[in-house]
Amino acid sequence: MNIAITTTSFGKYDSSPLARLKGAQIHYILNPYGRKLTKEEVLDMSKGVDGIIAGTEPLGEQVLRKLPRLKVISRCGAGMDNVDLDAAERLGIKVFNTPYGPTLAVAELTVGLILDLLRKVTLMDSELRAGVWNKRMGNLLYGKKVGIIGFGRIGQKVAELVMTFGVEVGYCDVCEISCDLSCTAKEFENLLAWSDIITLHISAQKEMVLILGEKEIGMMKEGAWLVNVARGGIVDEEALYQTLKRNHLAGVALDVFGSEPYNGPLSTLNNVIITPHIGSYALEARVAMEMESVENIIVGLKGK
């Protein structure tokens, strides 16, 4: 059997997932570009394959219909917004993902970005490298009000981690949430006005919906911080840029963008931290996700 591995860095840090495929007598080809593929590149790479181990590249109906041999999509990650699940079902394509693999990695990155913003670590690092010795005053995480938008697996793990710092946690979610943590459910607009720190963890949707536009960003507390490690396209980046220019927000950390790779004006501001969509890029989590995605494709192709 033949598969395409379209995600960008599969097997780079640990070859055991690739060895598992070889042991199962599944032949594979790897993404040769080291970046997210276009529709045309997905089609070119996936001609004649029985399965795909996928990243975030587009797998809509138009692509799937042009791959008649495709039987299985195994998403290496939790989000499924790049896969047309309805079309896959109509075409008889089995779809798997790895929903638990990235949880801790994304949650720990979120906490790290919050601490970086509050203590201005990245800003002072860049200044010191430029020859400027400037001891900037930061803030404690202790005592802050943390608002979490999207309270699924990752949102709840973030709450668990930040609560050890002595914070108060509020959350909102489109679903009714059962949670053992001492957190308070709040209406969306109330949460924006209440929070010192907002962090976004909404689930993937077929079409990204703007969550924080100019109006919603303006509702946030003056001097608040914002972290988005969820999805690109859910924050109005131009409105965010203008708000930061006016110093309404103290700082922002973004791991995801409406268009990636990102090359926009937010990168010119010294109160913005940007990272290249690396939420799941903790070695242990990444290897576990890759191995799980391999096991899923073996099950899908061989029924074992």
C-alpha atoms as a PDB file:
ATOM      1  CA  MET A   1       0.000   0.000   0.000  1.00  0.00           C
ATOM      2  CA  ASN A   2       1.143   3.552  -0.732  1.00  0.00           C
ATOM      3  CA  ILE A   3       0.583   6.719   1.275  1.00  0.00           C
ATOM      4  CA  ALA A   4       1.579  10.368   1.084  1.00  0.00           C
ATOM      5  CA  ILE A   5       2.779  12.136   4.236  1.00  0.00           C
ATOM      6  CA  THR A   6       1.886  15.739   3.496  1.00  0.00           C
ATOM      7  CA  THR A   7       2.600  17.281   6.907  1.00  0.00           C
ATOM      8  CA  THR A   8       5.819  19.288   6.930  1.00  0.00           C
ATOM      9  CA  SER A   9       8.363  17.603   9.223  1.00  0.00           C
ATOM     10  CA  PHE A  10       7.162  14.053   9.759  1.00  0.00           C
ATOM     11  CA  GLY A  11       9.827  11.724  11.184  1.00  0.00           C
ATOM     12  CA  LYS A  12      12.403  14.505  11.377  1.00  0.00           C
ATOM     13  CA  TYR A  13      13.020  14.233  15.114  1.00  0.00           C
ATOM     14  CA  ASP A  14      12.341  10.520  15.628  1.00  0.00           C
ATOM     15  CA  SER A  15      12.257   7.944  12.846  1.00  0.00           C
ATOM     16  CA  SER A  16      10.196   5.358  14.759  1.00  0.00           C
ATOM     17  CA  PRO A  17       6.857   6.354  13.112  1.00  0.00           C
ATOM     18  CA  LEU A  18       8.467   5.826   9.684  1.00  0.00           C
ATOM     19  CA  ALA A  19       9.931   2.523  10.824  1.00  0.00           C
ATOM     20  CA  ARG A  20       6.470   1.446  11.942  1.00  0.00           C
ATOM     21  CA  LEU A  21       5.124   2.138   8.446  1.00  0.00           C
ATOM     22  CA  LYS A  22       7.910   0.120   6.872  1.00  0.00           C
ATOM     23  CA  GLY A  23       7.208  -2.741   9.253  1.00  0.00           C
ATOM     24  CA  ALA A  24       3.563  -2.680   8.185  1.00  0.00           C
ATOM     25  CA  GLN A  25       4.698  -2.836   4.524  1.00  0.00           C
ATOM     26  CA  ILE A  26       3.269   0.585   3.766  1.00  0.00           C
ATOM     27  CA  HIS A  27       5.315   2.628   1.314  1.00  0.00           C
ATOM     28  CA  TYR A  28       5.378   6.383   1.869  1.00  0.00           C
ATOM     29  CA  ILE A  29       6.508   9.605   0.244  1.00  0.00           C
ATOM     30  CA  LEU A  30       7.347  12.656   2.337  1.00  0.00           C
ATOM     31  CA  ASN A  31       6.511  16.310   1.796  1.00  0.00           C
ATOM     32  CA  PRO A  32       9.562  17.593  -0.151  1.00  0.00           C
ATOM     33  CA  TYR A  33       8.853  21.297   0.410  1.00  0.00           C
ATOM     34  CA  GLY A  34       9.118  21.603   4.211  1.00  0.00           C
ATOM     35  CA  ARG A  35       6.043  23.847   4.281  1.00  0.00           C
ATOM     36  CA  LYS A  36       2.257  23.732   3.992  1.00  0.00           C
ATOM     37  CA  LEU A  37       1.226  22.407   0.575  1.00  0.00           C
ATOM     38  CA  THR A  38      -1.110  24.066  -1.900  1.00  0.00           C
ATOM     39  CA  LYS A  39      -4.072  22.186  -3.401  1.00  0.00           C
ATOM     40  CA  GLU A  40      -2.091  21.534  -6.569  1.00  0.00           C
ATOM     41  CA  GLU A  41       0.870  20.185  -4.616  1.00  0.00           C
ATOM     42  CA  VAL A  42      -1.376  17.916  -2.544  1.00  0.00           C
ATOM     43  CA  LEU A  43      -2.856  16.475  -5.740  1.00  0.00           C
ATOM     44  CA  ASP A  44       0.520  16.047  -7.379  1.00  0.00           C
ATOM     45  CA  MET A  45       1.979  14.313  -4.337  1.00  0.00           C
ATOM     46  CA  SER A  46      -1.060  12.128  -3.633  1.00  0.00           C
ATOM     47  CA  LYS A  47      -1.805  10.674  -7.073  1.00  0.00           C
ATOM     48  CA  GLY A  48      -2.480   6.956  -6.771  1.00  0.00           C
ATOM     49  CA  VAL A  49      -2.110   6.749  -2.985  1.00  0.00           C
ATOM     50  CA  ASP A  50      -4.327   4.712  -0.665  1.00  0.00           C
ATOM     51  CA  GLY A  51      -3.881   7.013   2.317  1.00  0.00           C
ATOM     52  CA  ILE A  52      -2.667  10.410   3.463  1.00  0.00           C
ATOM     53  CA  ILE A  53      -1.081  11.378   6.767  1.00  0.00           C
ATOM     54  CA  ALA A  54      -2.122  15.008   6.731  1.00  0.00           C
ATOM     55  CA  GLY A  55      -1.124  18.296   8.255  1.00  0.00           C
ATOM     56  CA  THR A  56      -3.108  21.492   7.706  1.00  0.00           C
ATOM     57  CA  GLU A  57      -3.058  21.503   3.899  1.00  0.00           C
ATOM     58  CA  PRO A  58      -6.414  21.832   2.071  1.00  0.00           C
ATOM     59  CA  LEU A  59      -8.338  18.565   1.669  1.00  0.00           C
ATOM     60  CA  GLY A  60     -11.667  19.856   0.403  1.00  0.00           C
ATOM     61  CA  GLU A  61     -14.116  18.055  -1.854  1.00  0.00           C
ATOM     62  CA  GLN A  62     -12.433  19.344  -5.008  1.00  0.00           C
ATOM     63  CA  VAL A  63      -9.171  17.690  -3.943  1.00  0.00           C
ATOM     64  CA  LEU A  64     -10.715  14.479  -2.602  1.00  0.00           C
ATOM     65  CA  ARG A  65     -12.716  13.795  -5.766  1.00  0.00           C
ATOM     66  CA  LYS A  66      -9.495  13.839  -7.785  1.00  0.00           C
ATOM     67  CA  LEU A  67      -7.968  11.084  -5.626  1.00  0.00           C
ATOM     68  CA  PRO A  68     -10.127   8.049  -6.493  1.00  0.00           C
ATOM     69  CA  ARG A  69      -7.898   5.492  -4.750  1.00  0.00           C
ATOM     70  CA  LEU A  70      -7.845   7.383  -1.453  1.00  0.00           C
ATOM     71  CA  LYS A  71      -9.291   5.302   1.378  1.00  0.00           C
ATOM     72  CA  VAL A  72      -7.939   6.917   4.566  1.00  0.00           C
ATOM     73  CA  ILE A  73      -6.962  10.363   5.844  1.00  0.00           C
ATOM     74  CA  SER A  74      -5.024  10.309   9.116  1.00  0.00           C
ATOM     75  CA  ARG A  75      -4.690  13.847  10.447  1.00  0.00           C
ATOM     76  CA  CYS A  76      -1.525  14.363  12.514  1.00  0.00           C
ATOM     77  CA  GLY A  77      -3.117  16.853  14.900  1.00  0.00           C
ATOM     78  CA  ALA A  78      -6.455  17.657  16.474  1.00  0.00           C
ATOM     79  CA  GLY A  79      -8.004  20.248  14.154  1.00  0.00           C
ATOM     80  CA  MET A  80     -10.115  18.991  11.259  1.00  0.00           C
ATOM     81  CA  ASP A  81     -11.074  22.303   9.652  1.00  0.00           C
ATOM     82  CA  ASN A  82      -8.897  21.637   6.589  1.00  0.00           C
ATOM     83  CA  VAL A  83     -10.697  18.349   5.797  1.00  0.00           C
ATOM     84  CA  ASP A  84     -14.167  18.284   4.203  1.00  0.00           C
ATOM     85  CA  LEU A  85     -15.617  15.600   6.460  1.00  0.00           C
ATOM     86  CA  ASP A  86     -18.975  15.494   4.647  1.00  0.00           C
ATOM     87  CA  ALA A  87     -17.279  14.959   1.296  1.00  0.00           C
ATOM     88  CA  ALA A  88     -15.019  12.291   2.797  1.00  0.00           C
ATOM     89  CA  GLU A  89     -18.039  10.438   4.137  1.00  0.00           C
ATOM     90  CA  ARG A  90     -19.806  10.603   0.768  1.00  0.00           C
ATOM     91  CA  LEU A  91     -16.700   9.283  -0.959  1.00  0.00           C
ATOM     92  CA  GLY A  92     -16.194   6.482   1.548  1.00  0.00           C
ATOM     93  CA  ILE A  93     -12.928   7.881   2.930  1.00  0.00           C
ATOM     94  CA  LYS A  94     -12.175   7.067   6.572  1.00  0.00           C
ATOM     95  CA  VAL A  95     -10.895  10.021   8.593  1.00  0.00           C
ATOM     96  CA  PHE A  96      -8.881   9.908  11.830  1.00  0.00           C
ATOM     97  CA  ASN A  97      -7.148  12.514  13.965  1.00  0.00           C
ATOM     98  CA  THR A  98      -4.986  12.685  17.110  1.00  0.00           C
ATOM     99  CA  PRO A  99      -7.124  14.795  19.459  1.00  0.00           C
ATOM    100  CA  TYR A 100      -5.126  14.314  22.662  1.00  0.00           C
ATOM    101  CA  GLY A 101      -1.563  14.534  21.358  1.00  0.00           C
ATOM    102  CA  PRO A 102      -1.139  18.325  21.212  1.00  0.00           C
ATOM    103  CA  THR A 103      -3.079  19.221  24.375  1.00  0.00           C
ATOM    104  CA  LEU A 104      -0.219  19.628  26.845  1.00  0.00           C
ATOM    105  CA  ALA A 105       2.163  21.077  24.265  1.00  0.00           C
ATOM    106  CA  VAL A 106      -0.273  23.844  23.283  1.00  0.00           C
ATOM    107  CA  ALA A 107      -1.249  24.523  26.894  1.00  0.00           C
ATOM    108  CA  GLU A 108       2.371  24.841  28.037  1.00  0.00           C
ATOM    109  CA  LEU A 109       3.162  27.153  25.108  1.00  0.00           C
ATOM    110  CA  THR A 110       0.193  29.314  26.111  1.00  0.00           C
ATOM    111  CA  VAL A 111       1.471  29.682  29.666  1.00  0.00           C
ATOM    112  CA  GLY A 112       4.977  30.374  28.408  1.00  0.00           C
ATOM    113  CA  LEU A 113       3.709  33.143  26.121  1.00  0.00           C
ATOM    114  CA  ILE A 114       1.670  34.677  28.941  1.00  0.00           C
ATOM    115  CA  LEU A 115       4.733  34.804  31.204  1.00  0.00           C
ATOM    116  CA  ASP A 116       6.858  36.185  28.361  1.00  0.00           C
ATOM    117  CA  LEU A 117       4.350  38.970  27.730  1.00  0.00           C
ATOM    118  CA  LEU A 118       3.999  39.895  31.393  1.00  0.00           C
ATOM    119  CA  ARG A 119       7.743  39.995  32.069  1.00  0.00           C
ATOM    120  CA  LYS A 120       8.663  41.426  28.623  1.00  0.00           C
ATOM    121  CA  VAL A 121      11.297  38.717  28.098  1.00  0.00           C
ATOM    122  CA  THR A 122      11.337  38.763  24.288  1.00  0.00           C
ATOM    123  CA  LEU A 123      11.356  42.566  24.187  1.00  0.00           C
ATOM    124  CA  MET A 124      14.323  42.908  26.564  1.00  0.00           C
ATOM    125  CA  ASP A 125      16.172  40.092  24.809  1.00  0.00           C
ATOM    126  CA  SER A 126      15.941  41.948  21.480  1.00  0.00           C
ATOM    127  CA  GLU A 127      16.968  45.244  23.106  1.00  0.00           C
ATOM    128  CA  LEU A 128      19.964  43.707  24.835  1.00  0.00           C
ATOM    129  CA  ARG A 129      21.113  42.068  21.597  1.00  0.00           C
ATOM    130  CA  ALA A 130      20.941  45.544  20.035  1.00  0.00           C
ATOM    131  CA  GLY A 131      23.188  46.941  22.780  1.00  0.00           C
ATOM    132  CA  VAL A 132      20.438  48.476  24.934  1.00  0.00           C
ATOM    133  CA  TRP A 133      20.595  47.666  28.661  1.00  0.00           C
ATOM    134  CA  ASN A 134      17.074  48.569  29.769  1.00  0.00           C
ATOM    135  CA  LYS A 135      15.518  46.941  32.836  1.00  0.00           C
ATOM    136  CA  ARG A 136      11.825  47.113  31.952  1.00  0.00           C
ATOM    137  CA  MET A 137       9.255  46.673  34.694  1.00  0.00           C
ATOM    138  CA  GLY A 138       6.983  43.683  34.195  1.00  0.00           C
ATOM    139  CA  ASN A 139       3.943  42.203  35.917  1.00  0.00           C
ATOM    140  CA  LEU A 140       3.118  39.182  38.024  1.00  0.00           C
ATOM    141  CA  LEU A 141       0.762  36.511  36.776  1.00  0.00           C
ATOM    142  CA  TYR A 142      -0.318  36.043  40.394  1.00  0.00           C
ATOM    143  CA  GLY A 143      -3.640  37.707  41.119  1.00  0.00           C
ATOM    144  CA  LYS A 144      -4.621  38.219  37.484  1.00  0.00           C
ATOM    145  CA  LYS A 145      -7.988  37.377  35.922  1.00  0.00           C
ATOM    146  CA  VAL A 146      -7.513  34.956  33.018  1.00  0.00           C
ATOM    147  CA  GLY A 147     -10.326  34.627  30.480  1.00  0.00           C
ATOM    148  CA  ILE A 148     -10.330  31.484  28.334  1.00  0.00           C
ATOM    149  CA  ILE A 149     -12.415  31.478  25.152  1.00  0.00           C
ATOM    150  CA  GLY A 150     -12.972  27.859  24.132  1.00  0.00           C
ATOM    151  CA  PHE A 151     -12.962  25.517  27.110  1.00  0.00           C
ATOM    152  CA  GLY A 152     -12.329  22.096  25.622  1.00  0.00           C
ATOM    153  CA  ARG A 153      -9.327  19.873  26.322  1.00  0.00           C
ATOM    154  CA  ILE A 154      -6.699  22.555  25.718  1.00  0.00           C
ATOM    155  CA  GLY A 155      -8.617  25.389  27.371  1.00  0.00           C
ATOM    156  CA  GLN A 156      -9.144  23.317  30.500  1.00  0.00           C
ATOM    157  CA  LYS A 157      -5.490  22.270  30.600  1.00  0.00           C
ATOM    158  CA  VAL A 158      -4.466  25.940  30.369  1.00  0.00           C
ATOM    159  CA  ALA A 159      -6.824  26.700  33.272  1.00  0.00           C
ATOM    160  CA  GLU A 160      -5.289  23.895  35.330  1.00  0.00           C
ATOM    161  CA  LEU A 161      -1.761  25.174  34.701  1.00  0.00           C
ATOM    162  CA  VAL A 162      -2.369  28.889  35.298  1.00  0.00           C
ATOM    163  CA  MET A 163      -4.364  28.281  38.473  1.00  0.00           C
ATOM    164  CA  THR A 164      -1.146  27.130  40.155  1.00  0.00           C
ATOM    165  CA  PHE A 165       0.007  30.765  39.829  1.00  0.00           C
ATOM    166  CA  GLY A 166      -2.855  32.015  41.989  1.00  0.00           C
ATOM    167  CA  VAL A 167      -5.084  33.455  39.277  1.00  0.00           C
ATOM    168  CA  GLU A 168      -8.847  33.649  38.877  1.00  0.00           C
ATOM    169  CA  VAL A 169     -10.123  31.873  35.754  1.00  0.00           C
ATOM    170  CA  GLY A 170     -13.274  32.635  33.778  1.00  0.00           C
ATOM    171  CA  TYR A 171     -14.309  30.982  30.545  1.00  0.00           C
ATOM    172  CA  CYS A 172     -16.899  30.893  27.796  1.00  0.00           C
ATOM    173  CA  ASP A 173     -17.724  28.191  25.286  1.00  0.00           C
ATOM    174  CA  VAL A 174     -20.497  27.537  22.791  1.00  0.00           C
ATOM    175  CA  CYS A 175     -21.084  24.168  24.486  1.00  0.00           C
ATOM    176  CA  GLU A 176     -22.224  23.499  28.025  1.00  0.00           C
ATOM    177  CA  ILE A 177     -19.075  22.464  29.870  1.00  0.00           C
ATOM    178  CA  SER A 178     -18.721  20.088  32.798  1.00  0.00           C
ATOM    179  CA  CYS A 179     -15.503  20.920  34.621  1.00  0.00           C
ATOM    180  CA  ASP A 180     -14.066  19.981  38.021  1.00  0.00           C
ATOM    181  CA  LEU A 181     -11.865  23.080  38.155  1.00  0.00           C
ATOM    182  CA  SER A 182     -12.804  26.160  40.182  1.00  0.00           C
ATOM    183  CA  CYS A 183     -13.548  28.290  37.133  1.00  0.00           C
ATOM    184  CA  THR A 184     -16.475  30.583  36.406  1.00  0.00           C
ATOM    185  CA  ALA A 185     -18.537  30.492  33.216  1.00  0.00           C
ATOM    186  CA  LYS A 186     -19.182  33.984  31.827  1.00  0.00           C
ATOM    187  CA  GLU A 187     -20.966  35.522  28.876  1.00  0.00           C
ATOM    188  CA  PHE A 188     -18.597  36.397  26.039  1.00  0.00           C
ATOM    189  CA  GLU A 189     -18.766  40.201  26.324  1.00  0.00           C
ATOM    190  CA  ASN A 190     -18.566  40.066  30.116  1.00  0.00           C
ATOM    191  CA  LEU A 191     -15.475  37.889  29.879  1.00  0.00           C
ATOM    192  CA  LEU A 192     -13.758  40.385  27.560  1.00  0.00           C
ATOM    193  CA  ALA A 193     -14.349  43.261  29.973  1.00  0.00           C
ATOM    194  CA  TRP A 194     -13.458  41.217  33.078  1.00  0.00           C
ATOM    195  CA  SER A 195     -10.182  39.613  31.981  1.00  0.00           C
ATOM    196  CA  ASP A 196      -6.656  40.910  32.443  1.00  0.00           C
ATOM    197  CA  ILE A 197      -5.492  38.176  30.058  1.00  0.00           C
ATOM    198  CA  ILE A 198      -7.517  36.617  27.218  1.00  0.00           C
ATOM    199  CA  THR A 199      -6.395  33.352  25.660  1.00  0.00           C
ATOM    200  CA  LEU A 200      -8.110  31.725  22.682  1.00  0.00           C
ATOM    201  CA  HIS A 201      -8.645  27.967  22.351  1.00  0.00           C
ATOM    202  CA  ILE A 202     -11.722  27.587  20.177  1.00  0.00           C
ATOM    203  CA  SER A 203     -12.269  24.339  18.313  1.00  0.00           C
ATOM    204  CA  ALA A 204     -11.675  24.113  14.594  1.00  0.00           C
ATOM    205  CA  GLN A 205     -14.593  24.901  12.316  1.00  0.00           C
ATOM    206  CA  LYS A 206     -15.117  24.310   8.584  1.00  0.00           C
ATOM    207  CA  GLU A 207     -15.086  28.067   8.093  1.00  0.00           C
ATOM    208  CA  MET A 208     -13.277  30.300  10.516  1.00  0.00           C
ATOM    209  CA  VAL A 209     -15.540  32.833  12.190  1.00  0.00           C
ATOM    210  CA  LEU A 210     -14.149  36.170  13.345  1.00  0.00           C
ATOM    211  CA  ILE A 211     -14.229  36.061  17.152  1.00  0.00           C
ATOM    212  CA  LEU A 212     -12.353  39.264  17.954  1.00  0.00           C
ATOM    213  CA  GLY A 213     -13.076  42.108  15.585  1.00  0.00           C
ATOM    214  CA  GLU A 214     -12.561  45.824  16.178  1.00  0.00           C
ATOM    215  CA  LYS A 215     -15.620  46.019  18.439  1.00  0.00           C
ATOM    216  CA  GLU A 216     -14.672  43.024  20.579  1.00  0.00           C
ATOM    217  CA  ILE A 217     -11.017  44.047  20.909  1.00  0.00           C
ATOM    218  CA  GLY A 218     -12.236  47.457  22.058  1.00  0.00           C
ATOM    219  CA  MET A 219     -14.248  45.763  24.812  1.00  0.00           C
ATOM    220  CA  MET A 220     -11.111  44.333  26.352  1.00  0.00           C
ATOM    221  CA  LYS A 221      -9.664  45.982  29.419  1.00  0.00           C
ATOM    222  CA  GLU A 222      -7.171  48.754  28.822  1.00  0.00           C
ATOM    223  CA  GLY A 223      -3.734  47.275  29.475  1.00  0.00           C
ATOM    224  CA  ALA A 224      -4.910  43.674  28.955  1.00  0.00           C
ATOM    225  CA  TRP A 225      -2.931  40.950  27.189  1.00  0.00           C
ATOM    226  CA  LEU A 226      -4.106  38.596  24.421  1.00  0.00           C
ATOM    227  CA  VAL A 227      -2.778  35.169  23.387  1.00  0.00           C
ATOM    228  CA  ASN A 228      -3.970  33.249  20.311  1.00  0.00           C
ATOM    229  CA  VAL A 229      -2.616  29.738  19.754  1.00  0.00           C
ATOM    230  CA  ALA A 230      -5.933  28.417  18.395  1.00  0.00           C
ATOM    231  CA  ARG A 231      -6.632  29.303  14.754  1.00  0.00           C
ATOM    232  CA  GLY A 232      -5.736  32.006  12.288  1.00  0.00           C
ATOM    233  CA  GLY A 233      -8.591  34.103  10.950  1.00  0.00           C
ATOM    234  CA  ILE A 234     -10.443  34.433  14.259  1.00  0.00           C
ATOM    235  CA  VAL A 235      -8.823  37.754  15.197  1.00  0.00           C
ATOM    236  CA  ASP A 236      -8.983  40.871  13.014  1.00  0.00           C
ATOM    237  CA  GLU A 237      -5.248  41.441  12.604  1.00  0.00           C
ATOM    238  CA  GLU A 238      -5.606  44.980  11.225  1.00  0.00           C
ATOM    239  CA  ALA A 239      -7.872  46.016  14.110  1.00  0.00           C
ATOM    240  CA  LEU A 240      -5.432  44.393  16.522  1.00  0.00           C
ATOM    241  CA  TYR A 241      -2.551  46.335  14.982  1.00  0.00           C
ATOM    242  CA  GLN A 242      -4.395  49.656  15.309  1.00  0.00           C
ATOM    243  CA  THR A 243      -5.395  48.875  18.898  1.00  0.00           C
ATOM    244  CA  LEU A 244      -1.800  48.102  19.842  1.00  0.00           C
ATOM    245  CA  LYS A 245      -0.601  51.290  18.149  1.00  0.00           C
ATOM    246  CA  ARG A 246      -2.982  53.191  20.440  1.00  0.00           C
ATOM    247  CA  ASN A 247      -1.591  51.276  23.436  1.00  0.00           C
ATOM    248  CA  HIS A 248      -5.052  50.068  24.441  1.00  0.00           C
ATOM    249  CA  LEU A 249      -3.609  46.576  24.956  1.00  0.00           C
ATOM    250  CA  ALA A 250      -0.348  45.944  26.809  1.00  0.00           C
ATOM    251  CA  GLY A 251       0.763  43.090  24.585  1.00  0.00           C
ATOM    252  CA  VAL A 252      -0.206  40.248  22.279  1.00  0.00           C
ATOM    253  CA  ALA A 253       1.246  36.812  21.486  1.00  0.00           C
ATOM    254  CA  LEU A 254       0.208  35.069  18.266  1.00  0.00           C
ATOM    255  CA  ASP A 255       1.140  31.598  17.047  1.00  0.00           C
ATOM    256  CA  VAL A 256      -1.448  31.508  14.233  1.00  0.00           C
ATOM    257  CA  PHE A 257      -2.431  33.920  11.473  1.00  0.00           C
ATOM    258  CA  GLY A 258      -5.039  34.436   8.788  1.00  0.00           C
ATOM    259  CA  SER A 259      -2.381  33.869   6.127  1.00  0.00           C
ATOM    260  CA  GLU A 260       0.734  31.816   6.808  1.00  0.00           C
ATOM    261  CA  PRO A 261       3.677  32.317   6.646  1.00  0.00           C
ATOM    262  CA  TYR A 262       2.871  35.659   8.277  1.00  0.00           C
ATOM    263  CA  ASN A 263       4.520  38.795   6.933  1.00  0.00           C
ATOM    264  CA  GLY A 264       2.399  41.647   8.210  1.00  0.00           C
ATOM    265  CA  PRO A 265       2.622  44.837  10.255  1.00  0.00           C
ATOM    266  CA  LEU A 266       2.184  43.181  13.658  1.00  0.00           C
ATOM    267  CA  SER A 267       5.775  41.995  13.336  1.00  0.00           C
ATOM    268  CA  THR A 268       6.939  45.623  13.509  1.00  0.00           C
ATOM    269  CA  LEU A 269       5.570  46.219  17.033  1.00  0.00           C
ATOM    270  CA  ASN A 270       7.710  45.623  20.117  1.00  0.00           C
ATOM    271  CA  ASN A 271       4.757  44.559  22.281  1.00  0.00           C
ATOM    272  CA  VAL A 272       3.892  41.618  20.001  1.00  0.00           C
ATOM    273  CA  ILE A 273       5.365  38.113  20.177  1.00  0.00           C
ATOM    274  CA  ILE A 274       4.919  36.034  17.019  1.00  0.00           C
ATOM    275  CA  THR A 275       5.766  32.359  16.521  1.00  0.00           C
ATOM    276  CA  PRO A 276       5.381  30.234  13.343  1.00  0.00           C
ATOM    277  CA  HIS A 277       2.403  27.983  14.254  1.00  0.00           C
ATOM    278  CA  ILE A 278       4.375  25.713  16.612  1.00  0.00           C
ATOM    279  CA  GLY A 279       1.720  24.879  19.201  1.00  0.00           C
ATOM    280  CA  SER A 280       2.262  21.126  18.946  1.00  0.00           C
ATOM    281  CA  TYR A 281       6.026  21.375  18.392  1.00  0.00           C
ATOM    282  CA  ALA A 282       7.194  19.890  21.650  1.00  0.00           C
ATOM    283  CA  LEU A 283       9.331  16.852  20.821  1.00  0.00           C
ATOM    284  CA  GLU A 284       7.553  14.383  23.066  1.00  0.00           C
ATOM    285  CA  ALA A 285       4.101  15.478  21.946  1.00  0.00           C
ATOM    286  CA  ARG A 286       5.084  15.609  18.290  1.00  0.00           C
ATOM    287  CA  VAL A 287       6.496  12.084  18.234  1.00  0.00           C
ATOM    288  CA  ALA A 288       3.438  10.745  20.072  1.00  0.00           C
ATOM    289  CA  MET A 289       1.138  12.428  17.542  1.00  0.00           C
ATOM    290  CA  GLU A 290       3.093  11.051  14.601  1.00  0.00           C
ATOM    291  CA  MET A 291       3.048   7.536  16.005  1.00  0.00           C
ATOM    292  CA  GLU A 292      -0.688   7.746  16.696  1.00  0.00           C
ATOM    293  CA  SER A 293      -1.340   9.008  13.168  1.00  0.00           C
ATOM    294  CA  VAL A 294       0.618   6.018  11.819  1.00  0.00           C
ATOM    295  CA  GLU A 295      -1.381   3.577  13.930  1.00  0.00           C
ATOM    296  CA  ASN A 296      -4.587   5.228  12.697  1.00  0.00           C
ATOM    297  CA  ILE A 297      -3.654   4.839   9.046  1.00  0.00           C
ATOM    298  CA  ILE A 298      -2.689   1.197   9.565  1.00  0.00           C
ATOM    299  CA  VAL A 299      -6.071   0.556  11.181  1.00  0.00           C
ATOM    300  CA  GLY A 300      -7.819   2.424   8.372  1.00  0.00           C
ATOM    301  CA  LEU A 301      -6.008   0.601   5.566  1.00  0.00           C
ATOM    302  CA  LYS A 302      -5.694  -2.865   7.049  1.00  0.00           C
ATOM    303  CA  GLY A 303      -8.479  -2.987   9.608  1.00  0.00           C
ATOM    304  CA  LYS A 304      -6.025  -4.011  12.359  1.00  0.00           C
END
